[in-house]
Amino acid sequence: MAGAPHDAGPPLPLLIAILGPTASGKTSLSLTLAQRFGGEIISCDSVALFRGFDVGAAKPTREERARAPHHLLDVLDPDQASTAGDYARRARQAIAQVAGRGRTPIVVGGTGLYLRALLEGLFAGPPRSDELRQRLREIASSKGSVHLHAVLARLDRAAAAAIHQNDAPKMIRAIEVYLQARRRISMLWSEQGRAPLSGFRVLRIGLNPDRAALYERINRRALQMLAGSLVEEARTIGERYGYDAAPLNSTGYRQAVQFLRGQLTRDQMAAAVQQAHRNYAKRQMTWFRREPEVHWLAGFGDEPEIQRQAVLLVERQLQG
């Protein structure tokens, strides 16, 4: 009889997605779950994809990587391009391989657009134009992101309302779509269907620690990055690939480059790195609160009680 339990078939394999702001303990929680449930970790971090960005991207250490297999770390050179769609294709391939080995894929990271592209898919817009993008980057560099946002507002008011004026990559893509396709990207968002990830039950676990405690931890970690080799990493990458390499515009590295160019003193750089990471954490939480069906845990991922709650969530999914 249709709908009877014996017709339902085996349950879909589980995919765990751990999300939350920077410094919230996602790596620690992912390792706990990976070791407990036979998992492999797929990074969802737009900077960690690139080789050489170790300290500033807070990549898992060698010891942490030895505790569980990791994927999508150090797969690109700094002068290579990567879009959310590129990431989604790589991540889906990695997830299929992990599941094919009978292991549990655990997606971990703070890049919200990449996570959405992976789980929900992206609309099929026109292909990228490197020449056009470079011209738009030069406009943003010379006239500022506010000017670029004003250009977008004239072309696509709805997209400008949805994209922050400091988010140059998204503004550039929206303008590119309009100039290439003569269609507003906001219309394509609403008209074109998505291709969501299929074949898995997705358990989203979100970390939501106390804001003051998070900011304190962010400030400490920023100073640890600077005491480490953040500036040296930026110098090495800049000298080899040019200081305009896209990943050097990410949080922390951008301020290190400003220091290397003499635009900031060391103390000013330290304060700017801390502030930039706090601002980034706030933007991340704004984004992630729009994600569907997130099981929010009120604490850090390295706290035993939070880890216990996460383990229970996974066990319930596996039993269901």
C-alpha atoms as a PDB file:
ATOM      1  CA  MET A   1       0.000   0.000   0.000  1.00  0.00           C
ATOM      2  CA  ALA A   2       1.361   3.396  -1.007  1.00  0.00           C
ATOM      3  CA  GLY A   3       2.891   5.296   1.881  1.00  0.00           C
ATOM      4  CA  ALA A   4       3.275   2.201   4.043  1.00  0.00           C
ATOM      5  CA  PRO A   5       6.518   2.010   6.020  1.00  0.00           C
ATOM      6  CA  HIS A   6       7.839  -0.952   3.993  1.00  0.00           C
ATOM      7  CA  ASP A   7       7.546   1.160   0.817  1.00  0.00           C
ATOM      8  CA  ALA A   8       9.462   4.112   2.238  1.00  0.00           C
ATOM      9  CA  GLY A   9      12.890   2.649   1.549  1.00  0.00           C
ATOM     10  CA  PRO A  10      16.045   3.341   3.521  1.00  0.00           C
ATOM     11  CA  PRO A  11      16.502   6.847   4.961  1.00  0.00           C
ATOM     12  CA  LEU A  12      18.630   9.297   3.052  1.00  0.00           C
ATOM     13  CA  PRO A  13      22.201   9.729   4.303  1.00  0.00           C
ATOM     14  CA  LEU A  14      22.784  12.570   6.721  1.00  0.00           C
ATOM     15  CA  LEU A  15      24.727  15.734   5.890  1.00  0.00           C
ATOM     16  CA  ILE A  16      25.668  18.001   8.803  1.00  0.00           C
ATOM     17  CA  ALA A  17      26.198  21.715   8.221  1.00  0.00           C
ATOM     18  CA  ILE A  18      27.844  23.690  11.027  1.00  0.00           C
ATOM     19  CA  LEU A  19      27.439  27.422  10.650  1.00  0.00           C
ATOM     20  CA  GLY A  20      28.035  30.505  12.750  1.00  0.00           C
ATOM     21  CA  PRO A  21      30.181  33.612  13.060  1.00  0.00           C
ATOM     22  CA  THR A  22      33.954  33.718  13.011  1.00  0.00           C
ATOM     23  CA  ALA A  23      35.631  32.539  16.254  1.00  0.00           C
ATOM     24  CA  SER A  24      32.500  30.735  17.451  1.00  0.00           C
ATOM     25  CA  GLY A  25      34.225  27.345  17.656  1.00  0.00           C
ATOM     26  CA  LYS A  26      32.977  25.690  14.474  1.00  0.00           C
ATOM     27  CA  THR A  27      36.231  23.788  13.930  1.00  0.00           C
ATOM     28  CA  SER A  28      36.206  22.308  17.434  1.00  0.00           C
ATOM     29  CA  LEU A  29      32.605  21.164  17.117  1.00  0.00           C
ATOM     30  CA  SER A  30      33.190  19.716  13.662  1.00  0.00           C
ATOM     31  CA  LEU A  31      36.086  17.611  14.923  1.00  0.00           C
ATOM     32  CA  THR A  32      34.017  16.309  17.838  1.00  0.00           C
ATOM     33  CA  LEU A  33      31.189  15.270  15.519  1.00  0.00           C
ATOM     34  CA  ALA A  34      33.542  13.838  12.902  1.00  0.00           C
ATOM     35  CA  GLN A  35      35.242  11.593  15.426  1.00  0.00           C
ATOM     36  CA  ARG A  36      31.961  10.583  17.061  1.00  0.00           C
ATOM     37  CA  PHE A  37      30.040   9.779  13.871  1.00  0.00           C
ATOM     38  CA  GLY A  38      32.726   8.786  11.360  1.00  0.00           C
ATOM     39  CA  GLY A  39      32.641  12.072   9.517  1.00  0.00           C
ATOM     40  CA  GLU A  40      34.802  13.929   7.039  1.00  0.00           C
ATOM     41  CA  ILE A  41      34.933  17.724   6.999  1.00  0.00           C
ATOM     42  CA  ILE A  42      34.230  19.871   3.934  1.00  0.00           C
ATOM     43  CA  SER A  43      35.370  23.464   4.426  1.00  0.00           C
ATOM     44  CA  CYS A  44      32.925  26.209   3.473  1.00  0.00           C
ATOM     45  CA  ASP A  45      35.267  29.188   3.648  1.00  0.00           C
ATOM     46  CA  SER A  46      35.963  31.403   0.650  1.00  0.00           C
ATOM     47  CA  VAL A  47      39.506  32.256   1.827  1.00  0.00           C
ATOM     48  CA  ALA A  48      40.561  28.824   3.084  1.00  0.00           C
ATOM     49  CA  LEU A  49      40.287  27.566  -0.498  1.00  0.00           C
ATOM     50  CA  PHE A  50      43.518  29.424  -1.287  1.00  0.00           C
ATOM     51  CA  ARG A  51      47.026  28.211  -0.578  1.00  0.00           C
ATOM     52  CA  GLY A  52      49.105  30.375   1.737  1.00  0.00           C
ATOM     53  CA  PHE A  53      46.177  31.926   3.614  1.00  0.00           C
ATOM     54  CA  ASP A  54      46.660  29.941   6.796  1.00  0.00           C
ATOM     55  CA  VAL A  55      46.773  32.251   9.813  1.00  0.00           C
ATOM     56  CA  GLY A  56      44.277  34.843   8.602  1.00  0.00           C
ATOM     57  CA  ALA A  57      41.772  32.212   7.467  1.00  0.00           C
ATOM     58  CA  ALA A  58      42.129  30.351  10.793  1.00  0.00           C
ATOM     59  CA  LYS A  59      42.541  27.078   8.925  1.00  0.00           C
ATOM     60  CA  PRO A  60      42.593  23.890  11.006  1.00  0.00           C
ATOM     61  CA  THR A  61      46.085  23.129  12.250  1.00  0.00           C
ATOM     62  CA  ARG A  62      48.083  20.108  11.163  1.00  0.00           C
ATOM     63  CA  GLU A  63      47.117  18.379  14.407  1.00  0.00           C
ATOM     64  CA  GLU A  64      43.427  19.139  13.868  1.00  0.00           C
ATOM     65  CA  ARG A  65      43.542  17.880  10.294  1.00  0.00           C
ATOM     66  CA  ALA A  66      45.062  14.635  11.567  1.00  0.00           C
ATOM     67  CA  ARG A  67      41.940  14.003  13.665  1.00  0.00           C
ATOM     68  CA  ALA A  68      39.611  13.829  10.644  1.00  0.00           C
ATOM     69  CA  PRO A  69      39.921  14.074   6.861  1.00  0.00           C
ATOM     70  CA  HIS A  70      39.431  17.605   5.519  1.00  0.00           C
ATOM     71  CA  HIS A  71      38.400  18.732   2.047  1.00  0.00           C
ATOM     72  CA  LEU A  72      38.475  22.006   0.055  1.00  0.00           C
ATOM     73  CA  LEU A  73      41.432  23.501   1.875  1.00  0.00           C
ATOM     74  CA  ASP A  74      44.386  24.781  -0.185  1.00  0.00           C
ATOM     75  CA  VAL A  75      42.933  23.897  -3.579  1.00  0.00           C
ATOM     76  CA  LEU A  76      43.599  27.186  -5.436  1.00  0.00           C
ATOM     77  CA  ASP A  77      46.485  29.577  -5.983  1.00  0.00           C
ATOM     78  CA  PRO A  78      45.859  33.194  -4.928  1.00  0.00           C
ATOM     79  CA  ASP A  79      45.609  34.404  -8.530  1.00  0.00           C
ATOM     80  CA  GLN A  80      42.908  31.898  -9.442  1.00  0.00           C
ATOM     81  CA  ALA A  81      39.233  32.845  -9.427  1.00  0.00           C
ATOM     82  CA  SER A  82      36.482  31.133  -7.484  1.00  0.00           C
ATOM     83  CA  THR A  83      32.770  31.864  -7.426  1.00  0.00           C
ATOM     84  CA  ALA A  84      30.013  30.505  -5.222  1.00  0.00           C
ATOM     85  CA  GLY A  85      28.992  28.282  -8.113  1.00  0.00           C
ATOM     86  CA  ASP A  86      32.535  26.944  -8.466  1.00  0.00           C
ATOM     87  CA  TYR A  87      32.591  26.182  -4.749  1.00  0.00           C
ATOM     88  CA  ALA A  88      29.212  24.422  -4.876  1.00  0.00           C
ATOM     89  CA  ARG A  89      30.382  22.126  -7.672  1.00  0.00           C
ATOM     90  CA  ARG A  90      33.573  21.214  -5.816  1.00  0.00           C
ATOM     91  CA  ALA A  91      31.753  20.721  -2.532  1.00  0.00           C
ATOM     92  CA  ARG A  92      29.029  18.543  -4.030  1.00  0.00           C
ATOM     93  CA  GLN A  93      31.668  16.344  -5.599  1.00  0.00           C
ATOM     94  CA  ALA A  94      33.489  16.037  -2.271  1.00  0.00           C
ATOM     95  CA  ILE A  95      30.239  15.277  -0.435  1.00  0.00           C
ATOM     96  CA  ALA A  96      29.366  12.528  -2.912  1.00  0.00           C
ATOM     97  CA  GLN A  97      32.810  10.979  -2.458  1.00  0.00           C
ATOM     98  CA  VAL A  98      32.561  11.106   1.333  1.00  0.00           C
ATOM     99  CA  ALA A  99      29.085   9.568   1.340  1.00  0.00           C
ATOM    100  CA  GLY A 100      30.245   6.966  -1.173  1.00  0.00           C
ATOM    101  CA  ARG A 101      32.775   5.773   1.385  1.00  0.00           C
ATOM    102  CA  GLY A 102      29.989   5.343   3.927  1.00  0.00           C
ATOM    103  CA  ARG A 103      31.168   8.367   5.909  1.00  0.00           C
ATOM    104  CA  THR A 104      29.202  11.383   7.129  1.00  0.00           C
ATOM    105  CA  PRO A 105      29.898  14.662   5.296  1.00  0.00           C
ATOM    106  CA  ILE A 106      30.199  17.630   7.663  1.00  0.00           C
ATOM    107  CA  VAL A 107      30.178  21.050   5.980  1.00  0.00           C
ATOM    108  CA  VAL A 108      31.819  23.676   8.162  1.00  0.00           C
ATOM    109  CA  GLY A 109      32.384  27.370   7.614  1.00  0.00           C
ATOM    110  CA  GLY A 110      31.222  30.923   7.746  1.00  0.00           C
ATOM    111  CA  THR A 111      30.789  31.921   4.093  1.00  0.00           C
ATOM    112  CA  GLY A 112      27.017  32.166   3.906  1.00  0.00           C
ATOM    113  CA  LEU A 113      26.702  32.597   0.144  1.00  0.00           C
ATOM    114  CA  TYR A 114      28.826  29.506  -0.482  1.00  0.00           C
ATOM    115  CA  LEU A 115      26.713  27.447   1.924  1.00  0.00           C
ATOM    116  CA  ARG A 116      23.524  28.622   0.240  1.00  0.00           C
ATOM    117  CA  ALA A 117      24.934  27.822  -3.206  1.00  0.00           C
ATOM    118  CA  LEU A 118      25.853  24.345  -2.008  1.00  0.00           C
ATOM    119  CA  LEU A 119      22.568  23.482  -0.315  1.00  0.00           C
ATOM    120  CA  GLU A 120      20.045  25.445  -2.380  1.00  0.00           C
ATOM    121  CA  GLY A 121      21.805  26.117  -5.683  1.00  0.00           C
ATOM    122  CA  LEU A 122      22.248  29.342  -7.630  1.00  0.00           C
ATOM    123  CA  PHE A 123      20.350  30.812 -10.537  1.00  0.00           C
ATOM    124  CA  ALA A 124      21.825  30.379 -14.018  1.00  0.00           C
ATOM    125  CA  GLY A 125      23.037  33.839 -14.966  1.00  0.00           C
ATOM    126  CA  PRO A 126      25.249  34.847 -17.885  1.00  0.00           C
ATOM    127  CA  PRO A 127      28.905  33.737 -17.834  1.00  0.00           C
ATOM    128  CA  ARG A 128      31.449  35.905 -16.068  1.00  0.00           C
ATOM    129  CA  SER A 129      33.462  38.472 -18.015  1.00  0.00           C
ATOM    130  CA  ASP A 130      36.940  38.923 -16.565  1.00  0.00           C
ATOM    131  CA  GLU A 131      37.504  42.084 -18.613  1.00  0.00           C
ATOM    132  CA  LEU A 132      34.273  43.696 -17.428  1.00  0.00           C
ATOM    133  CA  ARG A 133      34.886  42.635 -13.836  1.00  0.00           C
ATOM    134  CA  GLN A 134      38.352  44.165 -13.891  1.00  0.00           C
ATOM    135  CA  ARG A 135      36.939  47.483 -15.134  1.00  0.00           C
ATOM    136  CA  LEU A 136      34.340  47.447 -12.368  1.00  0.00           C
ATOM    137  CA  ARG A 137      37.014  46.640  -9.758  1.00  0.00           C
ATOM    138  CA  GLU A 138      39.030  49.623 -10.994  1.00  0.00           C
ATOM    139  CA  ILE A 139      35.966  51.857 -10.654  1.00  0.00           C
ATOM    140  CA  ALA A 140      35.402  50.600  -7.120  1.00  0.00           C
ATOM    141  CA  SER A 141      39.068  51.178  -6.284  1.00  0.00           C
ATOM    142  CA  SER A 142      39.246  54.676  -7.724  1.00  0.00           C
ATOM    143  CA  LYS A 143      35.779  56.029  -6.889  1.00  0.00           C
ATOM    144  CA  GLY A 144      34.805  53.885  -3.924  1.00  0.00           C
ATOM    145  CA  SER A 145      32.222  51.199  -3.252  1.00  0.00           C
ATOM    146  CA  VAL A 146      29.521  53.803  -2.559  1.00  0.00           C
ATOM    147  CA  HIS A 147      29.838  55.017  -6.151  1.00  0.00           C
ATOM    148  CA  LEU A 148      29.588  51.436  -7.424  1.00  0.00           C
ATOM    149  CA  HIS A 149      26.485  50.935  -5.292  1.00  0.00           C
ATOM    150  CA  ALA A 150      24.949  54.068  -6.831  1.00  0.00           C
ATOM    151  CA  VAL A 151      25.626  52.676 -10.309  1.00  0.00           C
ATOM    152  CA  LEU A 152      23.888  49.440  -9.356  1.00  0.00           C
ATOM    153  CA  ALA A 153      20.939  51.367  -7.917  1.00  0.00           C
ATOM    154  CA  ARG A 154      20.417  53.099 -11.284  1.00  0.00           C
ATOM    155  CA  LEU A 155      20.450  49.743 -13.089  1.00  0.00           C
ATOM    156  CA  ASP A 156      18.660  47.524 -10.571  1.00  0.00           C
ATOM    157  CA  ARG A 157      17.114  49.218  -7.544  1.00  0.00           C
ATOM    158  CA  ALA A 158      15.899  45.951  -5.986  1.00  0.00           C
ATOM    159  CA  ALA A 159      19.356  44.384  -6.171  1.00  0.00           C
ATOM    160  CA  ALA A 160      20.950  47.505  -4.681  1.00  0.00           C
ATOM    161  CA  ALA A 161      18.526  47.302  -1.769  1.00  0.00           C
ATOM    162  CA  ALA A 162      19.524  43.672  -1.160  1.00  0.00           C
ATOM    163  CA  ILE A 163      23.313  44.092  -1.502  1.00  0.00           C
ATOM    164  CA  HIS A 164      25.388  46.004   1.049  1.00  0.00           C
ATOM    165  CA  GLN A 165      27.345  48.928  -0.391  1.00  0.00           C
ATOM    166  CA  ASN A 166      30.618  47.432   0.904  1.00  0.00           C
ATOM    167  CA  ASP A 167      30.030  44.065  -0.769  1.00  0.00           C
ATOM    168  CA  ALA A 168      31.917  44.790  -3.982  1.00  0.00           C
ATOM    169  CA  PRO A 169      31.919  41.214  -5.399  1.00  0.00           C
ATOM    170  CA  LYS A 170      28.114  40.947  -5.292  1.00  0.00           C
ATOM    171  CA  MET A 171      27.680  44.457  -6.718  1.00  0.00           C
ATOM    172  CA  ILE A 172      30.092  43.648  -9.533  1.00  0.00           C
ATOM    173  CA  ARG A 173      28.216  40.439 -10.344  1.00  0.00           C
ATOM    174  CA  ALA A 174      24.855  42.233 -10.374  1.00  0.00           C
ATOM    175  CA  ILE A 175      26.155  44.953 -12.709  1.00  0.00           C
ATOM    176  CA  GLU A 176      27.846  42.322 -14.867  1.00  0.00           C
ATOM    177  CA  VAL A 177      24.568  40.395 -15.230  1.00  0.00           C
ATOM    178  CA  TYR A 178      22.718  43.542 -16.292  1.00  0.00           C
ATOM    179  CA  LEU A 179      25.349  44.589 -18.841  1.00  0.00           C
ATOM    180  CA  GLN A 180      25.780  41.064 -20.212  1.00  0.00           C
ATOM    181  CA  ALA A 181      22.166  39.903 -20.291  1.00  0.00           C
ATOM    182  CA  ARG A 182      20.291  43.225 -20.297  1.00  0.00           C
ATOM    183  CA  ARG A 183      18.228  41.748 -17.493  1.00  0.00           C
ATOM    184  CA  ARG A 184      18.140  42.814 -13.859  1.00  0.00           C
ATOM    185  CA  ILE A 185      19.630  40.217 -11.541  1.00  0.00           C
ATOM    186  CA  SER A 186      16.741  40.784  -9.135  1.00  0.00           C
ATOM    187  CA  MET A 187      14.368  39.575 -11.871  1.00  0.00           C
ATOM    188  CA  LEU A 188      16.497  36.498 -12.489  1.00  0.00           C
ATOM    189  CA  TRP A 189      16.488  35.756  -8.763  1.00  0.00           C
ATOM    190  CA  SER A 190      12.705  35.585  -8.789  1.00  0.00           C
ATOM    191  CA  GLU A 191      12.192  33.983 -12.213  1.00  0.00           C
ATOM    192  CA  GLN A 192      14.762  31.214 -12.368  1.00  0.00           C
ATOM    193  CA  GLY A 193      14.520  28.079 -10.337  1.00  0.00           C
ATOM    194  CA  ARG A 194      17.315  26.745  -8.194  1.00  0.00           C
ATOM    195  CA  ALA A 195      18.928  23.314  -8.173  1.00  0.00           C
ATOM    196  CA  PRO A 196      19.075  22.349  -4.490  1.00  0.00           C
ATOM    197  CA  LEU A 197      21.292  19.583  -3.184  1.00  0.00           C
ATOM    198  CA  SER A 198      19.390  16.305  -3.265  1.00  0.00           C
ATOM    199  CA  GLY A 199      19.917  12.847  -1.869  1.00  0.00           C
ATOM    200  CA  PHE A 200      20.673  13.917   1.713  1.00  0.00           C
ATOM    201  CA  ARG A 201      18.928  14.829   4.926  1.00  0.00           C
ATOM    202  CA  VAL A 202      20.508  18.142   5.957  1.00  0.00           C
ATOM    203  CA  LEU A 203      20.976  18.966   9.638  1.00  0.00           C
ATOM    204  CA  ARG A 204      21.947  22.608  10.125  1.00  0.00           C
ATOM    205  CA  ILE A 205      23.599  23.341  13.475  1.00  0.00           C
ATOM    206  CA  GLY A 206      24.180  27.011  14.249  1.00  0.00           C
ATOM    207  CA  LEU A 207      26.453  28.459  16.916  1.00  0.00           C
ATOM    208  CA  ASN A 208      25.151  31.607  18.583  1.00  0.00           C
ATOM    209  CA  PRO A 209      27.399  32.564  21.516  1.00  0.00           C
ATOM    210  CA  ASP A 210      26.868  35.624  23.681  1.00  0.00           C
ATOM    211  CA  ARG A 211      27.752  38.700  21.628  1.00  0.00           C
ATOM    212  CA  ALA A 212      30.090  40.274  24.222  1.00  0.00           C
ATOM    213  CA  ALA A 213      31.914  36.972  24.779  1.00  0.00           C
ATOM    214  CA  LEU A 214      32.227  36.460  21.028  1.00  0.00           C
ATOM    215  CA  TYR A 215      33.699  39.913  20.498  1.00  0.00           C
ATOM    216  CA  GLU A 216      36.189  39.342  23.303  1.00  0.00           C
ATOM    217  CA  ARG A 217      37.270  36.096  21.691  1.00  0.00           C
ATOM    218  CA  ILE A 218      37.494  37.782  18.275  1.00  0.00           C
ATOM    219  CA  ASN A 219      39.723  40.521  19.697  1.00  0.00           C
ATOM    220  CA  ARG A 220      42.060  37.953  21.269  1.00  0.00           C
ATOM    221  CA  ARG A 221      42.265  35.857  18.144  1.00  0.00           C
ATOM    222  CA  ALA A 222      42.995  38.900  15.973  1.00  0.00           C
ATOM    223  CA  LEU A 223      45.966  39.754  18.185  1.00  0.00           C
ATOM    224  CA  GLN A 224      47.135  36.131  18.021  1.00  0.00           C
ATOM    225  CA  MET A 225      46.996  36.281  14.228  1.00  0.00           C
ATOM    226  CA  LEU A 226      49.125  39.420  14.226  1.00  0.00           C
ATOM    227  CA  ALA A 227      51.545  37.912  16.730  1.00  0.00           C
ATOM    228  CA  GLY A 228      51.796  34.964  14.352  1.00  0.00           C
ATOM    229  CA  SER A 229      52.528  35.384  10.680  1.00  0.00           C
ATOM    230  CA  LEU A 230      49.504  37.236   9.264  1.00  0.00           C
ATOM    231  CA  VAL A 231      51.569  40.170   8.001  1.00  0.00           C
ATOM    232  CA  GLU A 232      54.265  37.847   6.676  1.00  0.00           C
ATOM    233  CA  GLU A 233      51.655  35.796   4.831  1.00  0.00           C
ATOM    234  CA  ALA A 234      50.250  38.948   3.234  1.00  0.00           C
ATOM    235  CA  ARG A 235      53.753  40.107   2.241  1.00  0.00           C
ATOM    236  CA  THR A 236      54.699  36.733   0.739  1.00  0.00           C
ATOM    237  CA  ILE A 237      51.494  36.446  -1.254  1.00  0.00           C
ATOM    238  CA  GLY A 238      51.578  40.084  -2.348  1.00  0.00           C
ATOM    239  CA  GLU A 239      55.170  39.880  -3.564  1.00  0.00           C
ATOM    240  CA  ARG A 240      54.478  36.723  -5.554  1.00  0.00           C
ATOM    241  CA  TYR A 241      50.977  37.318  -6.900  1.00  0.00           C
ATOM    242  CA  GLY A 242      50.506  41.062  -6.525  1.00  0.00           C
ATOM    243  CA  TYR A 243      48.794  42.930  -3.746  1.00  0.00           C
ATOM    244  CA  ASP A 244      45.619  43.134  -5.819  1.00  0.00           C
ATOM    245  CA  ALA A 245      45.086  39.367  -5.587  1.00  0.00           C
ATOM    246  CA  ALA A 246      41.422  39.007  -4.632  1.00  0.00           C
ATOM    247  CA  PRO A 247      41.874  36.969  -1.413  1.00  0.00           C
ATOM    248  CA  LEU A 248      44.139  39.710  -0.019  1.00  0.00           C
ATOM    249  CA  ASN A 249      41.038  41.883   0.142  1.00  0.00           C
ATOM    250  CA  SER A 250      39.503  39.591   2.773  1.00  0.00           C
ATOM    251  CA  THR A 251      39.130  40.429   6.456  1.00  0.00           C
ATOM    252  CA  GLY A 252      42.478  40.720   8.222  1.00  0.00           C
ATOM    253  CA  TYR A 253      44.598  40.510   5.090  1.00  0.00           C
ATOM    254  CA  ARG A 254      43.202  43.791   3.806  1.00  0.00           C
ATOM    255  CA  GLN A 255      44.416  45.578   6.938  1.00  0.00           C
ATOM    256  CA  ALA A 256      47.792  43.801   6.783  1.00  0.00           C
ATOM    257  CA  VAL A 257      48.257  45.042   3.214  1.00  0.00           C
ATOM    258  CA  GLN A 258      47.383  48.579   4.328  1.00  0.00           C
ATOM    259  CA  PHE A 259      50.071  48.281   6.991  1.00  0.00           C
ATOM    260  CA  LEU A 260      52.622  47.026   4.460  1.00  0.00           C
ATOM    261  CA  ARG A 261      51.807  49.989   2.223  1.00  0.00           C
ATOM    262  CA  GLY A 262      52.360  52.399   5.090  1.00  0.00           C
ATOM    263  CA  GLN A 263      48.708  53.384   5.308  1.00  0.00           C
ATOM    264  CA  LEU A 264      48.338  52.126   8.894  1.00  0.00           C
ATOM    265  CA  THR A 265      50.652  51.941  11.884  1.00  0.00           C
ATOM    266  CA  ARG A 266      50.976  48.586  13.631  1.00  0.00           C
ATOM    267  CA  ASP A 267      48.643  49.700  16.422  1.00  0.00           C
ATOM    268  CA  GLN A 268      46.131  51.038  13.919  1.00  0.00           C
ATOM    269  CA  MET A 269      46.321  47.766  12.003  1.00  0.00           C
ATOM    270  CA  ALA A 270      45.633  45.758  15.166  1.00  0.00           C
ATOM    271  CA  ALA A 271      42.576  47.844  16.012  1.00  0.00           C
ATOM    272  CA  ALA A 272      41.369  47.698  12.395  1.00  0.00           C
ATOM    273  CA  VAL A 273      41.738  43.905  12.214  1.00  0.00           C
ATOM    274  CA  GLN A 274      39.741  43.496  15.421  1.00  0.00           C
ATOM    275  CA  GLN A 275      37.018  45.839  14.218  1.00  0.00           C
ATOM    276  CA  ALA A 276      36.850  44.204  10.800  1.00  0.00           C
ATOM    277  CA  HIS A 277      36.393  40.756  12.325  1.00  0.00           C
ATOM    278  CA  ARG A 278      33.693  42.011  14.691  1.00  0.00           C
ATOM    279  CA  ASN A 279      31.872  43.622  11.761  1.00  0.00           C
ATOM    280  CA  TYR A 280      32.228  40.414   9.767  1.00  0.00           C
ATOM    281  CA  ALA A 281      30.754  38.371  12.613  1.00  0.00           C
ATOM    282  CA  LYS A 282      27.761  40.681  12.732  1.00  0.00           C
ATOM    283  CA  ARG A 283      27.185  40.339   8.974  1.00  0.00           C
ATOM    284  CA  GLN A 284      27.506  36.568   9.225  1.00  0.00           C
ATOM    285  CA  MET A 285      24.828  36.333  11.892  1.00  0.00           C
ATOM    286  CA  THR A 286      22.515  38.592   9.901  1.00  0.00           C
ATOM    287  CA  TRP A 287      22.920  36.238   6.940  1.00  0.00           C
ATOM    288  CA  PHE A 288      22.665  32.975   8.869  1.00  0.00           C
ATOM    289  CA  ARG A 289      19.505  34.006  10.683  1.00  0.00           C
ATOM    290  CA  ARG A 290      17.814  33.860   7.288  1.00  0.00           C
ATOM    291  CA  GLU A 291      18.858  30.244   6.804  1.00  0.00           C
ATOM    292  CA  PRO A 292      15.989  27.745   7.139  1.00  0.00           C
ATOM    293  CA  GLU A 293      15.687  25.029   9.786  1.00  0.00           C
ATOM    294  CA  VAL A 294      18.784  25.906  11.794  1.00  0.00           C
ATOM    295  CA  HIS A 295      19.132  24.303  15.227  1.00  0.00           C
ATOM    296  CA  TRP A 296      20.708  27.174  17.146  1.00  0.00           C
ATOM    297  CA  LEU A 297      22.961  26.413  20.121  1.00  0.00           C
ATOM    298  CA  ALA A 298      23.610  29.287  22.531  1.00  0.00           C
ATOM    299  CA  GLY A 299      27.336  28.954  23.067  1.00  0.00           C
ATOM    300  CA  PHE A 300      30.748  28.215  21.588  1.00  0.00           C
ATOM    301  CA  GLY A 301      31.515  25.019  19.717  1.00  0.00           C
ATOM    302  CA  ASP A 302      34.367  24.087  22.049  1.00  0.00           C
ATOM    303  CA  GLU A 303      32.146  24.100  25.160  1.00  0.00           C
ATOM    304  CA  PRO A 304      31.334  20.565  26.434  1.00  0.00           C
ATOM    305  CA  GLU A 305      27.635  21.360  26.911  1.00  0.00           C
ATOM    306  CA  ILE A 306      27.282  22.706  23.379  1.00  0.00           C
ATOM    307  CA  GLN A 307      29.063  19.658  22.023  1.00  0.00           C
ATOM    308  CA  ARG A 308      26.727  17.404  24.031  1.00  0.00           C
ATOM    309  CA  GLN A 309      23.674  19.170  22.595  1.00  0.00           C
ATOM    310  CA  ALA A 310      25.057  18.856  19.062  1.00  0.00           C
ATOM    311  CA  VAL A 311      25.739  15.141  19.527  1.00  0.00           C
ATOM    312  CA  LEU A 312      22.140  14.656  20.674  1.00  0.00           C
ATOM    313  CA  LEU A 313      20.851  16.487  17.594  1.00  0.00           C
ATOM    314  CA  VAL A 314      22.836  14.195  15.314  1.00  0.00           C
ATOM    315  CA  GLU A 315      21.792  11.065  17.193  1.00  0.00           C
ATOM    316  CA  ARG A 316      18.119  12.008  16.876  1.00  0.00           C
ATOM    317  CA  GLN A 317      18.553  12.497  13.142  1.00  0.00           C
ATOM    318  CA  LEU A 318      20.263   9.152  12.757  1.00  0.00           C
ATOM    319  CA  GLN A 319      17.530   7.410  14.741  1.00  0.00           C
ATOM    320  CA  GLY A 320      14.715   9.111  12.861  1.00  0.00           C
END
